[in-house]
Amino acid sequence: MRGNAVAEARAWLGTPYRHQASVRGAGCDCLGLVRGVWRALYGHEPEAPPPYTPDWSEPQGEEVLWAAALRHLTPVDMAKPGDVLLFRLRTGAVAKHLGIMAEGGATPRMIHAYAGHGVTESPLTPPWARRIVARFRFPDLTGD
């Protein structure tokens, strides 16, 4: 299943950044990318996200994105290709960025969407890696 997540995420490369959107080729944000990959893997989303602002409830200090990830994804200690990465962009701020691990090993890479760049595959550099606060695996819903 994880290999399929990487292939699907790569199909989104070049999709422009659009806050709250989740349409391959037309626009998405980081959550929209993960939602789109989920739909490709499972056919439908487990829940519709409520409207959200770019600050992801930062003023309230609520870990809304993290809580949603825990409802639908499986936490893991070490990420493998196809796993979802959750980032805290600033110390003390809520976690509000997602990416999908594309490659592991000596030169790890991730696929993510962010303002000004759209969906891109980027090196998972030490500054990005330091911001990871949780790693998740898409669930095996096939029962295999």
C-alpha atoms as a PDB file:
ATOM      1  CA  MET A   1       0.000   0.000   0.000  1.00  0.00           C
ATOM      2  CA  ARG A   2       2.800   2.463   0.871  1.00  0.00           C
ATOM      3  CA  GLY A   3       4.334   2.246  -2.600  1.00  0.00           C
ATOM      4  CA  ASN A   4       0.974   3.192  -4.030  1.00  0.00           C
ATOM      5  CA  ALA A   5       0.893   6.261  -1.774  1.00  0.00           C
ATOM      6  CA  VAL A   6       4.206   7.480  -3.205  1.00  0.00           C
ATOM      7  CA  ALA A   7       3.115   6.871  -6.791  1.00  0.00           C
ATOM      8  CA  GLU A   8      -0.161   8.695  -6.172  1.00  0.00           C
ATOM      9  CA  ALA A   9       1.556  11.604  -4.414  1.00  0.00           C
ATOM     10  CA  ARG A  10       3.946  11.920  -7.361  1.00  0.00           C
ATOM     11  CA  ALA A  11       0.931  12.130  -9.690  1.00  0.00           C
ATOM     12  CA  TRP A  12       0.065  15.365  -7.834  1.00  0.00           C
ATOM     13  CA  LEU A  13       3.449  17.019  -8.552  1.00  0.00           C
ATOM     14  CA  GLY A  14       2.948  20.440 -10.106  1.00  0.00           C
ATOM     15  CA  THR A  15      -0.548  20.893  -8.657  1.00  0.00           C
ATOM     16  CA  PRO A  16      -0.747  24.560  -7.595  1.00  0.00           C
ATOM     17  CA  TYR A  17      -1.179  25.546  -3.962  1.00  0.00           C
ATOM     18  CA  ARG A  18      -4.773  26.374  -3.041  1.00  0.00           C
ATOM     19  CA  HIS A  19      -5.759  26.654   0.616  1.00  0.00           C
ATOM     20  CA  GLN A  20      -8.372  24.005   1.611  1.00  0.00           C
ATOM     21  CA  ALA A  21      -8.477  22.510  -1.902  1.00  0.00           C
ATOM     22  CA  SER A  22      -7.868  18.853  -2.788  1.00  0.00           C
ATOM     23  CA  VAL A  23      -8.084  18.465  -6.578  1.00  0.00           C
ATOM     24  CA  ARG A  24      -5.126  16.981  -8.430  1.00  0.00           C
ATOM     25  CA  GLY A  25      -3.931  19.356 -11.143  1.00  0.00           C
ATOM     26  CA  ALA A  26      -6.242  22.179 -10.026  1.00  0.00           C
ATOM     27  CA  GLY A  27      -5.080  22.945  -6.487  1.00  0.00           C
ATOM     28  CA  CYS A  28      -4.424  21.672  -2.988  1.00  0.00           C
ATOM     29  CA  ASP A  29      -2.728  22.464   0.271  1.00  0.00           C
ATOM     30  CA  CYS A  30      -0.696  19.988   2.343  1.00  0.00           C
ATOM     31  CA  LEU A  31      -3.809  18.415   3.873  1.00  0.00           C
ATOM     32  CA  GLY A  32      -5.480  18.353   0.471  1.00  0.00           C
ATOM     33  CA  LEU A  33      -2.577  16.321  -0.911  1.00  0.00           C
ATOM     34  CA  VAL A  34      -2.913  13.724   1.865  1.00  0.00           C
ATOM     35  CA  ARG A  35      -6.701  13.699   1.409  1.00  0.00           C
ATOM     36  CA  GLY A  36      -6.284  13.126  -2.327  1.00  0.00           C
ATOM     37  CA  VAL A  37      -3.833  10.268  -1.794  1.00  0.00           C
ATOM     38  CA  TRP A  38      -6.261   8.752   0.744  1.00  0.00           C
ATOM     39  CA  ARG A  39      -9.096   8.915  -1.821  1.00  0.00           C
ATOM     40  CA  ALA A  40      -6.907   7.222  -4.441  1.00  0.00           C
ATOM     41  CA  LEU A  41      -6.012   4.434  -2.002  1.00  0.00           C
ATOM     42  CA  TYR A  42      -9.436   3.865  -0.416  1.00  0.00           C
ATOM     43  CA  GLY A  43     -12.061   5.455  -2.663  1.00  0.00           C
ATOM     44  CA  HIS A  44     -13.433   7.961  -0.137  1.00  0.00           C
ATOM     45  CA  GLU A  45     -12.252  10.092   2.757  1.00  0.00           C
ATOM     46  CA  PRO A  46     -12.881   8.965   6.339  1.00  0.00           C
ATOM     47  CA  GLU A  47     -14.289  12.379   7.283  1.00  0.00           C
ATOM     48  CA  ALA A  48     -14.813  15.752   5.700  1.00  0.00           C
ATOM     49  CA  PRO A  49     -12.466  18.316   7.213  1.00  0.00           C
ATOM     50  CA  PRO A  50     -14.096  21.372   8.728  1.00  0.00           C
ATOM     51  CA  PRO A  51     -13.123  24.762   7.331  1.00  0.00           C
ATOM     52  CA  TYR A  52      -9.695  25.740   8.636  1.00  0.00           C
ATOM     53  CA  THR A  53      -7.490  28.782   8.537  1.00  0.00           C
ATOM     54  CA  PRO A  54      -3.825  28.724   7.512  1.00  0.00           C
ATOM     55  CA  ASP A  55      -2.811  29.107  11.187  1.00  0.00           C
ATOM     56  CA  TRP A  56      -4.447  25.751  12.103  1.00  0.00           C
ATOM     57  CA  SER A  57      -5.838  26.950  15.444  1.00  0.00           C
ATOM     58  CA  GLU A  58      -2.428  28.270  16.446  1.00  0.00           C
ATOM     59  CA  PRO A  59      -3.888  31.114  18.541  1.00  0.00           C
ATOM     60  CA  GLN A  60      -5.821  28.561  20.626  1.00  0.00           C
ATOM     61  CA  GLY A  61      -2.862  26.172  20.833  1.00  0.00           C
ATOM     62  CA  GLU A  62      -5.010  23.222  19.757  1.00  0.00           C
ATOM     63  CA  GLU A  63      -3.375  20.344  17.865  1.00  0.00           C
ATOM     64  CA  VAL A  64      -6.308  19.927  15.481  1.00  0.00           C
ATOM     65  CA  LEU A  65      -4.310  18.430  12.599  1.00  0.00           C
ATOM     66  CA  TRP A  66      -2.451  16.014  14.895  1.00  0.00           C
ATOM     67  CA  ALA A  67      -5.729  14.847  16.470  1.00  0.00           C
ATOM     68  CA  ALA A  68      -7.229  14.195  13.022  1.00  0.00           C
ATOM     69  CA  ALA A  69      -4.150  12.213  11.987  1.00  0.00           C
ATOM     70  CA  LEU A  70      -4.468  10.073  15.117  1.00  0.00           C
ATOM     71  CA  ARG A  71      -8.110   9.315  14.251  1.00  0.00           C
ATOM     72  CA  HIS A  72      -7.306   7.893  10.809  1.00  0.00           C
ATOM     73  CA  LEU A  73      -3.615   7.028  10.502  1.00  0.00           C
ATOM     74  CA  THR A  74      -1.372   4.654  12.448  1.00  0.00           C
ATOM     75  CA  PRO A  75       1.478   6.297  14.404  1.00  0.00           C
ATOM     76  CA  VAL A  76       4.931   4.840  13.684  1.00  0.00           C
ATOM     77  CA  ASP A  77       8.392   5.498  15.125  1.00  0.00           C
ATOM     78  CA  MET A  78      10.348   5.390  11.875  1.00  0.00           C
ATOM     79  CA  ALA A  79       8.961   6.659   8.580  1.00  0.00           C
ATOM     80  CA  LYS A  80       9.161   4.617   5.395  1.00  0.00           C
ATOM     81  CA  PRO A  81       8.262   5.711   1.858  1.00  0.00           C
ATOM     82  CA  GLY A  82       4.526   6.307   1.700  1.00  0.00           C
ATOM     83  CA  ASP A  83       4.215   7.394   5.331  1.00  0.00           C
ATOM     84  CA  VAL A  84       2.773  10.753   6.356  1.00  0.00           C
ATOM     85  CA  LEU A  85       5.024  13.224   8.162  1.00  0.00           C
ATOM     86  CA  LEU A  86       3.618  15.885  10.503  1.00  0.00           C
ATOM     87  CA  PHE A  87       5.696  19.033  11.018  1.00  0.00           C
ATOM     88  CA  ARG A  88       5.789  21.801  13.606  1.00  0.00           C
ATOM     89  CA  LEU A  89       7.068  24.800  11.658  1.00  0.00           C
ATOM     90  CA  ARG A  90       8.041  26.859  14.717  1.00  0.00           C
ATOM     91  CA  THR A  91       9.010  25.874  18.234  1.00  0.00           C
ATOM     92  CA  GLY A  92       5.987  26.171  20.501  1.00  0.00           C
ATOM     93  CA  ALA A  93       3.537  26.436  17.593  1.00  0.00           C
ATOM     94  CA  VAL A  94       0.941  23.820  16.678  1.00  0.00           C
ATOM     95  CA  ALA A  95       1.856  21.163  14.100  1.00  0.00           C
ATOM     96  CA  LYS A  96       0.349  22.360  10.845  1.00  0.00           C
ATOM     97  CA  HIS A  97       2.224  20.923   7.864  1.00  0.00           C
ATOM     98  CA  LEU A  98       2.048  17.473   6.272  1.00  0.00           C
ATOM     99  CA  GLY A  99       4.194  15.657   3.761  1.00  0.00           C
ATOM    100  CA  ILE A 100       4.502  12.149   2.378  1.00  0.00           C
ATOM    101  CA  MET A 101       7.850  10.388   2.622  1.00  0.00           C
ATOM    102  CA  ALA A 102       8.937   9.612  -0.950  1.00  0.00           C
ATOM    103  CA  GLU A 103      12.416   8.133  -0.422  1.00  0.00           C
ATOM    104  CA  GLY A 104      14.362   6.945   2.591  1.00  0.00           C
ATOM    105  CA  GLY A 105      18.027   6.157   3.036  1.00  0.00           C
ATOM    106  CA  ALA A 106      20.949   8.545   2.776  1.00  0.00           C
ATOM    107  CA  THR A 107      19.043  11.095   0.690  1.00  0.00           C
ATOM    108  CA  PRO A 108      15.468  11.127   2.008  1.00  0.00           C
ATOM    109  CA  ARG A 109      12.811  12.995   0.060  1.00  0.00           C
ATOM    110  CA  MET A 110       9.243  14.088   0.710  1.00  0.00           C
ATOM    111  CA  ILE A 111       6.291  15.239  -1.340  1.00  0.00           C
ATOM    112  CA  HIS A 112       4.333  18.158   0.066  1.00  0.00           C
ATOM    113  CA  ALA A 113       2.346  21.229  -0.921  1.00  0.00           C
ATOM    114  CA  TYR A 114       3.080  24.694   0.303  1.00  0.00           C
ATOM    115  CA  ALA A 115       2.287  28.285  -0.614  1.00  0.00           C
ATOM    116  CA  GLY A 116       4.306  29.675  -3.487  1.00  0.00           C
ATOM    117  CA  HIS A 117       5.448  26.214  -4.638  1.00  0.00           C
ATOM    118  CA  GLY A 118       2.432  23.922  -4.979  1.00  0.00           C
ATOM    119  CA  VAL A 119       3.051  20.186  -4.792  1.00  0.00           C
ATOM    120  CA  THR A 120       6.736  19.445  -5.015  1.00  0.00           C
ATOM    121  CA  GLU A 121       9.170  16.670  -4.196  1.00  0.00           C
ATOM    122  CA  SER A 122      11.903  18.041  -1.966  1.00  0.00           C
ATOM    123  CA  PRO A 123      14.914  16.731  -0.101  1.00  0.00           C
ATOM    124  CA  LEU A 124      14.075  16.001   3.523  1.00  0.00           C
ATOM    125  CA  THR A 125      16.928  18.210   4.691  1.00  0.00           C
ATOM    126  CA  PRO A 126      18.036  18.432   8.341  1.00  0.00           C
ATOM    127  CA  PRO A 127      16.034  21.667   8.895  1.00  0.00           C
ATOM    128  CA  TRP A 128      12.869  19.896   7.702  1.00  0.00           C
ATOM    129  CA  ALA A 129      13.684  16.665   9.558  1.00  0.00           C
ATOM    130  CA  ARG A 130      14.110  18.570  12.852  1.00  0.00           C
ATOM    131  CA  ARG A 131      10.552  19.857  12.513  1.00  0.00           C
ATOM    132  CA  ILE A 132       8.942  16.402  12.273  1.00  0.00           C
ATOM    133  CA  VAL A 133       6.831  15.775  15.384  1.00  0.00           C
ATOM    134  CA  ALA A 134       4.983  12.618  14.310  1.00  0.00           C
ATOM    135  CA  ARG A 135       5.001   9.951  11.630  1.00  0.00           C
ATOM    136  CA  PHE A 136       1.977   7.993  10.461  1.00  0.00           C
ATOM    137  CA  ARG A 137       1.225   5.070   8.190  1.00  0.00           C
ATOM    138  CA  PHE A 138      -1.851   4.798   6.015  1.00  0.00           C
ATOM    139  CA  PRO A 139      -3.979   1.995   7.469  1.00  0.00           C
ATOM    140  CA  ASP A 140      -4.333  -1.415   5.868  1.00  0.00           C
ATOM    141  CA  LEU A 141      -8.075  -1.473   5.265  1.00  0.00           C
ATOM    142  CA  THR A 142      -7.909  -4.640   3.163  1.00  0.00           C
ATOM    143  CA  GLY A 143      -7.400  -6.935   6.139  1.00  0.00           C
ATOM    144  CA  ASP A 144      -4.327  -8.499   4.483  1.00  0.00           C
END
